[in-house]
Amino acid sequence: MHSIEAKVADSPFQQALDFIYSFIDYERQRTPRTRQTWDLKRIQNLLARLANPHLQVKTVHVAGSKGKGSTSSMVASVLTAAGYKTGLYTSPHLHLYNERIRIDGHYITNDEIVALISKIKPAVEVVNLENPEKNEHLTTFEITTALGFLYFAAKKAEFQVIEVGLGGRLDATNVVQPEVSVITSISYEHTELLGNTLTAIAGEKAGIIKPGGIVVVAPQVPEAEKAITAIAGQQHARQIYVGRDITYKSTGFSNATQSLLVRGRLDTYGITIPLLGKFQLDNAATAVGALEVLIEKGYRIPKTAIIEGMANVQWEGRLQILNHEPLVITDGAHNQDSIHKLCEALRQYFKYDQAILVLGMSADKDVTGIVSELAPFFGKVIATRSVHPRSMLTAPIAAEFRKHNIDIKQTEDISVALPMALRMAGKNDLICVTGSLFVAAGAIEQALVLGLKP
């Protein structure tokens, strides 16, 4: 539970949350995950007992290593701007559990969660009785996924944009029959489950491609693209690639927005997005690709809605500016590839004197690879921990930076780290808080406490 989620003892909402979190929660547990009980049978059984709500709403399904949340948010924002009642399901949350499930930008309420859990609970108990081994019980993520589907169906959403939790092929969300599947940038992550090669990881992500379906693919490294192409071919799916079928060029940026011209298959779109980073240009073009598929299928999505929806997209914790003088930026980058892209973006988009890093990571991350990207960029470093149960201790992070002869400070308390960095910084310096979305969430919360203003 994140720091902003204060417990209200014995409230119906807290009881509902306690029920959800009482099951196996792979986002939070420290023990290694295994493949043994990773399948779709439990979630399919649960959803069948709830009248298959996931099949009652038109779906856009989004997988990837990086950018899937941003791309999902872009697609949902445009569909809302086009007049469709649109659900958005994402994970993990930064501050509140409710963030995971929203319609037209509005979070599911505490009371709605309580009411829906009361409907789900009996079905969960029956499914778990049929699988008496605890490691075969429904997981927290599977129950949350069912909750999202049930909410969107109950609210009569016209579209649901569903972000994959982990992988794709065996992810709990992969029970939908999407109008279009989307695969964003793929890099090394969760290798204990997805495999040790990009071919294996891309193969798991491409598991969301349905027979005879349509997939829009963001720019990929050749190994990942080859794997996706092979699986799409096996599924006889139509393939649309950003970089070939859809192209774009950057047309400028400020410290808060960037613009691009996307040449789609149906039209050309001049777009401005309030998200920085070259990777967000990839995501925007990928989102346009998915939206054009929906247009081809007969859904009314005017060009003006694409421009408006992109301009209004909101997605916290991605190159988010928390303060000026000194410049404080937080980003949820959590693997070597995303950290590399973060450093590139800091060089491209911002001017500053010295760069100060606040870094906290999850325990399963590649500390050597991540530090190798960061060490040439930052002269001063603070290692810290989020409040998340799977956060890495600061000692391994500090040891890795010392191999690069970098002076490093340590605090196990995320709420101490940002004030410490601010004391070290001059008004023309940059402070970057990164390493995980949970650290980004902690920075955002602490910025509010400190009264920082972007």
Protein backbone atom coordinates (compact mmCIF):
# COMPACT_ATOMS: atom_id res chain seq x y z
CA MET A 1 0.00 0.00 0.00
CA HIS A 2 1.39 3.42 -0.92
CA SER A 3 1.82 6.17 1.61
CA ILE A 4 -1.15 8.20 0.41
CA GLU A 5 -3.47 5.21 1.01
CA ALA A 6 -4.29 5.78 4.66
CA LYS A 7 -6.10 2.86 6.23
CA VAL A 8 -9.60 3.49 7.58
CA ALA A 9 -10.03 0.64 10.04
CA ASP A 10 -13.12 -1.52 9.56
CA SER A 11 -14.61 0.73 6.87
CA PRO A 12 -16.43 -1.22 4.13
CA PHE A 13 -13.88 0.07 1.61
CA GLN A 14 -10.94 -1.04 3.73
CA GLN A 15 -12.57 -4.45 4.14
CA ALA A 16 -12.93 -4.67 0.34
CA LEU A 17 -9.27 -3.74 -0.14
CA ASP A 18 -8.20 -6.22 2.54
CA PHE A 19 -10.12 -8.94 0.66
CA ILE A 20 -8.43 -8.03 -2.64
CA TYR A 21 -4.97 -7.98 -1.04
CA SER A 22 -5.54 -11.21 0.92
CA PHE A 23 -4.63 -13.29 -2.13
CA ILE A 24 -1.30 -13.90 -3.86
CA ASP A 25 -0.07 -10.50 -4.99
CA TYR A 26 2.88 -10.78 -7.36
CA GLU A 27 3.25 -7.00 -7.52
CA ARG A 28 4.06 -6.87 -3.81
CA GLN A 29 5.56 -10.18 -2.75
CA ARG A 30 9.31 -10.60 -2.32
CA THR A 31 9.48 -14.31 -3.15
CA PRO A 32 10.35 -15.18 -6.76
CA ARG A 33 7.50 -15.71 -9.18
CA THR A 34 7.21 -19.02 -11.00
CA ARG A 35 5.52 -20.19 -14.17
CA GLN A 36 3.92 -23.27 -12.64
CA THR A 37 0.44 -21.89 -11.91
CA TRP A 38 0.42 -19.07 -14.44
CA ASP A 39 -2.54 -19.65 -16.76
CA LEU A 40 -5.92 -18.25 -17.77
CA LYS A 41 -8.19 -20.99 -16.42
CA ARG A 42 -8.93 -19.34 -13.07
CA ILE A 43 -9.77 -15.92 -14.49
CA GLN A 44 -11.92 -17.50 -17.23
CA ASN A 45 -13.80 -19.51 -14.60
CA LEU A 46 -14.32 -16.43 -12.44
CA LEU A 47 -15.51 -14.26 -15.34
CA ALA A 48 -17.91 -16.99 -16.54
CA ARG A 49 -19.55 -16.91 -13.11
CA LEU A 50 -19.94 -13.13 -13.49
CA ALA A 51 -21.63 -13.40 -16.94
CA ASN A 52 -18.43 -12.69 -18.89
CA PRO A 53 -18.38 -8.90 -18.48
CA HIS A 54 -15.10 -8.66 -20.44
CA LEU A 55 -16.94 -9.60 -23.65
CA GLN A 56 -19.65 -6.95 -23.22
CA VAL A 57 -17.47 -3.92 -24.09
CA LYS A 58 -15.41 -3.20 -27.23
CA THR A 59 -11.73 -3.57 -26.35
CA VAL A 60 -8.32 -2.15 -27.24
CA HIS A 61 -5.64 -4.42 -25.71
CA VAL A 62 -2.13 -3.04 -25.09
CA ALA A 63 1.04 -4.98 -24.18
CA GLY A 64 4.72 -4.00 -24.07
CA SER A 65 7.69 -3.43 -21.77
CA LYS A 66 7.62 0.37 -21.86
CA GLY A 67 5.00 2.83 -23.00
CA LYS A 68 1.95 0.60 -22.69
CA GLY A 69 0.41 2.76 -19.97
CA SER A 70 1.05 6.00 -21.85
CA THR A 71 -0.26 4.54 -25.11
CA SER A 72 -3.35 3.15 -23.37
CA SER A 73 -4.00 6.54 -21.80
CA MET A 74 -3.66 8.28 -25.19
CA VAL A 75 -6.10 5.91 -26.90
CA ALA A 76 -8.61 6.26 -24.05
CA SER A 77 -8.34 10.07 -24.02
CA VAL A 78 -9.05 10.24 -27.76
CA LEU A 79 -12.02 7.86 -27.51
CA THR A 80 -13.45 10.03 -24.73
CA ALA A 81 -12.91 13.15 -26.86
CA ALA A 82 -14.75 11.37 -29.69
CA GLY A 83 -17.79 11.00 -27.43
CA TYR A 84 -17.42 7.35 -26.42
CA LYS A 85 -17.82 6.31 -22.80
CA THR A 86 -14.37 4.81 -22.31
CA GLY A 87 -12.93 2.65 -19.56
CA LEU A 88 -9.19 2.54 -18.87
CA TYR A 89 -7.59 -0.30 -16.91
CA THR A 90 -3.92 0.09 -15.93
CA SER A 91 -1.44 -1.13 -13.33
CA PRO A 92 0.22 -0.60 -10.97
CA HIS A 93 -1.28 2.44 -9.27
CA LEU A 94 0.88 5.33 -8.04
CA HIS A 95 -1.16 6.57 -5.10
CA LEU A 96 -4.64 5.05 -4.89
CA TYR A 97 -5.94 1.61 -5.84
CA ASN A 98 -8.86 3.38 -7.58
CA GLU A 99 -6.47 4.74 -10.25
CA ARG A 100 -6.37 1.33 -11.92
CA ILE A 101 -10.00 1.52 -13.05
CA ARG A 102 -11.42 4.70 -14.54
CA ILE A 103 -14.03 5.87 -17.02
CA ASP A 104 -13.49 9.06 -19.01
CA GLY A 105 -10.73 10.06 -16.60
CA HIS A 106 -12.79 9.52 -13.42
CA TYR A 107 -11.64 6.86 -10.95
CA ILE A 108 -13.94 4.13 -9.70
CA THR A 109 -15.24 5.27 -6.29
CA ASN A 110 -14.72 3.53 -2.96
CA ASP A 111 -18.45 2.75 -2.75
CA GLU A 112 -18.43 1.24 -6.25
CA ILE A 113 -15.50 -0.98 -5.31
CA VAL A 114 -17.36 -2.15 -2.19
CA ALA A 115 -20.52 -2.95 -4.16
CA LEU A 116 -18.71 -4.85 -6.90
CA ILE A 117 -16.51 -6.82 -4.51
CA SER A 118 -19.68 -8.00 -2.76
CA LYS A 119 -20.73 -9.46 -6.14
CA ILE A 120 -17.32 -10.91 -6.94
CA LYS A 121 -16.58 -12.44 -3.53
CA PRO A 122 -18.96 -15.45 -3.74
CA ALA A 123 -17.64 -16.34 -7.20
CA VAL A 124 -14.05 -16.06 -5.96
CA GLU A 125 -14.81 -18.44 -3.09
CA VAL A 126 -16.33 -21.03 -5.45
CA VAL A 127 -13.38 -20.87 -7.87
CA ASN A 128 -10.88 -21.23 -5.03
CA LEU A 129 -12.79 -24.19 -3.55
CA GLU A 130 -12.42 -25.92 -6.91
CA ASN A 131 -8.64 -25.38 -6.65
CA PRO A 132 -7.80 -26.27 -3.04
CA GLU A 133 -4.03 -25.69 -3.33
CA LYS A 134 -3.29 -22.11 -2.20
CA ASN A 135 -0.85 -21.50 -5.05
CA GLU A 136 -3.70 -22.31 -7.45
CA HIS A 137 -6.05 -19.73 -5.93
CA LEU A 138 -7.04 -16.55 -7.73
CA THR A 139 -4.49 -13.76 -7.39
CA THR A 140 -4.95 -10.13 -6.40
CA PHE A 141 -4.33 -9.07 -10.01
CA GLU A 142 -6.89 -11.53 -11.38
CA ILE A 143 -9.51 -10.26 -8.94
CA THR A 144 -8.66 -6.65 -9.79
CA THR A 145 -8.93 -7.46 -13.50
CA ALA A 146 -12.36 -9.02 -12.98
CA LEU A 147 -13.37 -5.95 -10.97
CA GLY A 148 -12.37 -3.69 -13.88
CA PHE A 149 -14.27 -5.72 -16.44
CA LEU A 150 -17.35 -5.86 -14.21
CA TYR A 151 -17.25 -2.10 -13.62
CA PHE A 152 -16.96 -1.21 -17.30
CA ALA A 153 -19.82 -3.55 -18.20
CA ALA A 154 -22.03 -2.30 -15.35
CA LYS A 155 -21.41 1.32 -16.38
CA LYS A 156 -22.20 0.43 -20.01
CA ALA A 157 -18.87 1.69 -21.28
CA GLU A 158 -18.64 1.66 -25.07
CA PHE A 159 -14.89 0.99 -25.11
CA GLN A 160 -12.40 -0.40 -22.63
CA VAL A 161 -8.68 0.17 -23.10
CA ILE A 162 -6.95 -2.65 -21.25
CA GLU A 163 -3.26 -2.55 -20.34
CA VAL A 164 -1.58 -5.92 -19.87
CA GLY A 165 -0.18 -6.43 -16.39
CA LEU A 166 2.80 -8.67 -17.15
CA GLY A 167 3.78 -10.44 -20.35
CA GLY A 168 0.70 -10.99 -22.48
CA ARG A 169 0.07 -14.59 -23.48
CA LEU A 170 -0.84 -15.73 -19.96
CA ASP A 171 -1.73 -12.36 -18.44
CA ALA A 172 -5.16 -12.21 -16.78
CA THR A 173 -6.26 -9.53 -19.26
CA ASN A 174 -5.71 -11.87 -22.22
CA VAL A 175 -9.28 -13.13 -22.12
CA VAL A 176 -10.62 -10.24 -24.21
CA GLN A 177 -11.54 -10.33 -27.90
CA PRO A 178 -10.07 -6.99 -28.97
CA GLU A 179 -10.93 -4.77 -31.89
CA VAL A 180 -7.20 -4.13 -32.12
CA SER A 181 -4.13 -5.36 -30.26
CA VAL A 182 -1.19 -3.04 -29.62
CA ILE A 183 2.42 -3.88 -28.74
CA THR A 184 4.61 -1.04 -27.50
CA SER A 185 8.41 -1.06 -27.09
CA ILE A 186 9.88 -4.34 -25.83
CA SER A 187 13.03 -4.66 -23.71
CA TYR A 188 14.43 -6.97 -21.05
CA GLU A 189 12.12 -7.33 -18.03
CA HIS A 190 10.70 -10.04 -15.75
CA THR A 191 13.11 -12.54 -17.27
CA GLU A 192 12.30 -15.11 -14.56
CA LEU A 193 8.85 -15.42 -16.11
CA LEU A 194 9.14 -14.19 -19.67
CA GLY A 195 12.50 -15.63 -20.70
CA ASN A 196 16.10 -14.47 -20.99
CA THR A 197 16.04 -13.33 -24.62
CA LEU A 198 14.18 -10.60 -26.45
CA THR A 199 12.80 -13.29 -28.73
CA ALA A 200 11.22 -15.06 -25.75
CA ILE A 201 9.95 -11.84 -24.15
CA ALA A 202 8.49 -10.56 -27.42
CA GLY A 203 6.89 -13.97 -27.95
CA GLU A 204 5.06 -13.65 -24.62
CA LYS A 205 3.95 -10.08 -25.42
CA ALA A 206 2.78 -11.15 -28.89
CA GLY A 207 0.57 -13.71 -27.19
CA ILE A 208 -2.17 -11.05 -27.15
CA ILE A 209 -2.44 -11.24 -30.97
CA LYS A 210 -5.67 -13.07 -31.81
CA PRO A 211 -6.31 -15.37 -34.80
CA GLY A 212 -7.37 -13.20 -37.74
CA GLY A 213 -6.93 -10.09 -35.60
CA ILE A 214 -5.13 -6.79 -36.17
CA VAL A 215 -1.97 -5.73 -34.33
CA VAL A 216 -0.31 -2.31 -34.28
CA VAL A 217 3.38 -2.52 -33.36
CA ALA A 218 5.59 0.29 -32.06
CA PRO A 219 9.23 0.56 -33.21
CA GLN A 220 11.20 -2.46 -31.96
CA VAL A 221 14.75 -3.75 -32.00
CA PRO A 222 15.13 -6.30 -34.84
CA GLU A 223 15.11 -9.38 -32.57
CA ALA A 224 11.80 -8.40 -30.95
CA GLU A 225 10.20 -7.36 -34.24
CA LYS A 226 11.14 -10.66 -35.86
CA ALA A 227 9.45 -12.60 -33.05
CA ILE A 228 6.29 -10.48 -33.23
CA THR A 229 6.13 -10.81 -37.02
CA ALA A 230 6.46 -14.59 -36.77
CA ILE A 231 3.64 -14.95 -34.24
CA ALA A 232 1.37 -12.51 -36.08
CA GLY A 233 1.97 -14.57 -39.22
CA GLN A 234 1.06 -17.79 -37.40
CA GLN A 235 -2.18 -16.13 -36.26
CA HIS A 236 -2.90 -14.81 -39.77
CA ALA A 237 -3.21 -11.38 -38.18
CA ARG A 238 -2.95 -8.10 -40.05
CA GLN A 239 0.19 -6.23 -39.03
CA ILE A 240 0.66 -2.45 -38.91
CA TYR A 241 4.12 -1.12 -38.02
CA VAL A 242 5.08 2.33 -36.76
CA GLY A 243 8.11 3.37 -38.78
CA ARG A 244 6.83 1.80 -42.00
CA ASP A 245 3.04 1.96 -42.26
CA ILE A 246 2.84 4.93 -39.91
CA THR A 247 5.58 7.56 -39.67
CA TYR A 248 6.09 10.76 -37.71
CA LYS A 249 8.48 13.63 -37.24
CA SER A 250 9.02 15.87 -34.25
CA THR A 251 7.98 19.47 -34.82
CA GLY A 252 9.25 21.02 -31.58
CA PHE A 253 8.97 20.99 -27.81
CA SER A 254 8.77 23.18 -24.70
CA ASN A 255 9.50 22.19 -21.11
CA ALA A 256 5.91 20.92 -20.78
CA THR A 257 4.75 19.70 -24.20
CA GLN A 258 6.06 18.38 -27.50
CA SER A 259 4.58 18.36 -30.98
CA LEU A 260 4.73 15.91 -33.84
CA LEU A 261 3.30 15.35 -37.30
CA VAL A 262 1.99 11.80 -37.70
CA ARG A 263 1.48 10.43 -41.21
CA GLY A 264 -1.02 7.65 -40.70
CA ARG A 265 -2.54 5.31 -43.25
CA LEU A 266 -5.77 7.36 -43.41
CA ASP A 267 -4.70 10.95 -42.73
CA THR A 268 -1.98 13.23 -41.38
CA TYR A 269 -2.27 14.61 -37.84
CA GLY A 270 -0.56 17.59 -36.22
CA ILE A 271 -0.48 16.62 -32.56
CA THR A 272 0.74 18.21 -29.32
CA ILE A 273 1.10 16.03 -26.22
CA PRO A 274 1.80 17.10 -22.61
CA LEU A 275 4.34 14.26 -22.22
CA LEU A 276 8.06 14.59 -22.91
CA GLY A 277 10.57 12.10 -24.27
CA LYS A 278 11.20 10.70 -27.75
CA PHE A 279 9.58 7.44 -26.67
CA GLN A 280 6.32 9.35 -26.18
CA LEU A 281 6.44 10.28 -29.86
CA ASP A 282 6.61 6.54 -30.62
CA ASN A 283 3.69 5.98 -28.27
CA ALA A 284 1.61 8.75 -29.85
CA ALA A 285 2.15 7.37 -33.36
CA THR A 286 1.29 3.88 -32.09
CA ALA A 287 -1.91 5.19 -30.51
CA VAL A 288 -2.86 6.86 -33.80
CA GLY A 289 -2.29 3.54 -35.56
CA ALA A 290 -4.71 1.80 -33.20
CA LEU A 291 -7.30 4.56 -33.55
CA GLU A 292 -7.13 4.38 -37.35
CA VAL A 293 -7.96 0.67 -37.13
CA LEU A 294 -11.09 1.59 -35.17
CA ILE A 295 -11.96 4.24 -37.78
CA GLU A 296 -11.62 1.61 -40.51
CA LYS A 297 -13.99 -0.60 -38.54
CA GLY A 298 -16.64 2.12 -38.68
CA TYR A 299 -16.23 3.89 -35.36
CA ARG A 300 -16.59 7.65 -35.58
CA ILE A 301 -13.34 9.23 -34.40
CA PRO A 302 -12.93 12.65 -36.04
CA LYS A 303 -9.49 14.11 -36.64
CA THR A 304 -10.38 16.88 -34.20
CA ALA A 305 -10.97 14.27 -31.46
CA ILE A 306 -7.52 12.77 -32.08
CA ILE A 307 -5.92 16.21 -31.73
CA GLU A 308 -8.01 17.12 -28.66
CA GLY A 309 -7.61 13.77 -26.93
CA MET A 310 -3.85 13.75 -27.39
CA ALA A 311 -3.57 17.30 -26.05
CA ASN A 312 -5.58 16.38 -22.93
CA VAL A 313 -3.90 13.08 -22.07
CA GLN A 314 -2.86 12.76 -18.43
CA TRP A 315 -0.28 10.23 -17.28
CA GLU A 316 1.64 10.79 -14.04
CA GLY A 317 5.18 9.73 -13.27
CA ARG A 318 6.59 9.93 -16.80
CA LEU A 319 9.16 12.71 -17.17
CA GLN A 320 6.92 14.68 -14.84
CA ILE A 321 8.15 18.11 -13.74
CA LEU A 322 7.56 18.66 -10.01
CA ASN A 323 9.41 21.95 -9.55
CA HIS A 324 11.47 24.69 -11.23
CA GLU A 325 14.57 26.25 -9.66
CA PRO A 326 15.81 23.70 -8.98
CA LEU A 327 14.30 21.56 -11.70
CA VAL A 328 12.80 18.42 -10.13
CA ILE A 329 11.74 15.64 -12.50
CA THR A 330 10.44 12.19 -11.72
CA ASP A 331 10.10 9.22 -14.04
CA GLY A 332 9.09 5.59 -13.50
CA ALA A 333 11.93 4.13 -15.62
CA HIS A 334 12.77 0.72 -14.18
CA ASN A 335 15.01 -1.23 -16.57
CA GLN A 336 18.24 -0.52 -18.43
CA ASP A 337 16.51 0.41 -21.68
CA SER A 338 14.05 2.83 -20.09
CA ILE A 339 16.79 4.40 -17.95
CA HIS A 340 18.89 4.91 -21.12
CA LYS A 341 15.92 6.65 -22.77
CA LEU A 342 15.38 8.76 -19.65
CA CYS A 343 18.99 10.01 -19.73
CA GLU A 344 18.63 10.83 -23.44
CA ALA A 345 15.46 12.81 -22.70
CA LEU A 346 17.09 14.77 -19.85
CA ARG A 347 19.89 15.80 -22.24
CA GLN A 348 17.48 16.75 -25.01
CA TYR A 349 14.70 18.56 -23.20
CA PHE A 350 16.29 20.37 -20.25
CA LYS A 351 19.09 22.80 -19.42
CA TYR A 352 20.78 22.69 -16.00
CA ASP A 353 24.17 22.98 -14.29
CA GLN A 354 24.68 19.79 -12.28
CA ALA A 355 22.49 16.69 -12.16
CA ILE A 356 21.53 15.03 -8.87
CA LEU A 357 19.99 11.56 -8.85
CA VAL A 358 17.55 10.03 -6.36
CA LEU A 359 17.30 6.32 -7.17
CA GLY A 360 15.18 3.54 -5.70
CA MET A 361 14.51 0.20 -7.36
CA SER A 362 12.48 -2.95 -6.99
CA ALA A 363 14.38 -5.95 -5.67
CA ASP A 364 14.24 -7.95 -8.91
CA LYS A 365 15.80 -5.30 -11.14
CA ASP A 366 19.19 -5.30 -12.89
CA VAL A 367 21.09 -2.93 -10.62
CA THR A 368 24.37 -3.34 -12.56
CA GLY A 369 22.81 -2.51 -15.93
CA ILE A 370 20.76 0.41 -14.59
CA VAL A 371 23.70 1.98 -12.72
CA SER A 372 25.93 1.61 -15.80
CA GLU A 373 23.52 3.94 -17.64
CA LEU A 374 23.21 6.44 -14.78
CA ALA A 375 26.82 6.67 -13.56
CA PRO A 376 28.16 8.75 -16.50
CA PHE A 377 25.30 11.21 -16.15
CA PHE A 378 25.03 12.03 -12.43
CA GLY A 379 27.76 13.40 -10.16
CA LYS A 380 25.73 13.18 -6.96
CA VAL A 381 23.47 10.29 -6.03
CA ILE A 382 21.06 9.46 -3.22
CA ALA A 383 19.97 5.83 -2.93
CA THR A 384 16.56 5.34 -1.35
CA ARG A 385 13.62 2.95 -1.02
CA SER A 386 9.93 3.27 -1.76
CA VAL A 387 7.35 2.01 0.73
CA HIS A 388 6.61 -0.89 -1.62
CA PRO A 389 7.28 -4.36 -0.11
CA ARG A 390 9.45 -5.38 -3.06
CA SER A 391 11.75 -2.35 -2.89
CA MET A 392 15.50 -2.98 -3.02
CA LEU A 393 17.67 -2.11 -0.03
CA THR A 394 19.97 0.86 -0.62
CA ALA A 395 23.20 -1.06 0.08
CA PRO A 396 23.39 -2.89 -3.31
CA ILE A 397 22.65 0.36 -5.14
CA ALA A 398 25.35 2.23 -3.21
CA ALA A 399 27.88 -0.57 -3.78
CA GLU A 400 27.28 -0.46 -7.52
CA PHE A 401 27.78 3.33 -7.73
CA ARG A 402 30.99 3.07 -5.69
CA LYS A 403 32.39 0.80 -8.42
CA HIS A 404 32.10 3.90 -10.64
CA ASN A 405 33.84 6.08 -8.00
CA ILE A 406 30.67 8.09 -7.38
CA ASP A 407 29.95 9.57 -3.97
CA ILE A 408 26.57 8.34 -2.78
CA LYS A 409 24.30 9.06 0.15
CA GLN A 410 21.72 6.58 1.45
CA THR A 411 18.34 6.80 3.12
CA GLU A 412 15.85 3.97 3.48
CA ASP A 413 13.06 6.55 3.78
CA ILE A 414 11.74 7.93 0.48
CA SER A 415 10.22 10.93 2.27
CA VAL A 416 13.73 12.00 3.36
CA ALA A 417 15.38 11.61 -0.05
CA LEU A 418 13.84 14.55 -1.93
CA PRO A 419 14.43 17.13 0.86
CA MET A 420 18.03 15.84 1.05
CA ALA A 421 18.47 16.38 -2.70
CA LEU A 422 16.93 19.85 -2.50
CA ARG A 423 19.49 20.83 0.14
CA MET A 424 22.26 19.71 -2.22
CA ALA A 425 20.92 21.56 -5.27
CA GLY A 426 21.45 25.06 -6.58
CA LYS A 427 18.56 26.82 -8.31
CA ASN A 428 19.91 25.95 -11.78
CA ASP A 429 20.45 22.27 -10.99
CA LEU A 430 18.43 19.19 -11.94
CA ILE A 431 17.13 16.60 -9.50
CA CYS A 432 15.86 13.39 -11.11
CA VAL A 433 13.92 10.86 -9.02
CA THR A 434 13.63 7.50 -10.75
CA GLY A 435 14.06 3.70 -10.64
CA SER A 436 10.45 2.59 -10.24
CA LEU A 437 6.91 3.90 -10.43
CA PHE A 438 6.68 3.48 -6.66
CA VAL A 439 9.64 5.82 -6.15
CA ALA A 440 8.02 8.24 -8.62
CA ALA A 441 4.81 8.07 -6.59
CA GLY A 442 6.77 8.83 -3.42
CA ALA A 443 8.38 11.85 -5.08
CA ILE A 444 5.03 13.19 -6.27
CA GLU A 445 3.53 12.81 -2.79
CA GLN A 446 6.55 14.43 -1.12
CA ALA A 447 6.48 17.33 -3.61
CA LEU A 448 2.93 18.06 -2.47
CA VAL A 449 3.98 17.98 1.17
CA LEU A 450 6.90 20.33 0.47
CA GLY A 451 4.73 22.69 -1.56
CA LEU A 452 6.76 22.33 -4.76
CA LYS A 453 5.13 23.73 -7.89
CA PRO A 454 5.77 22.75 -11.53
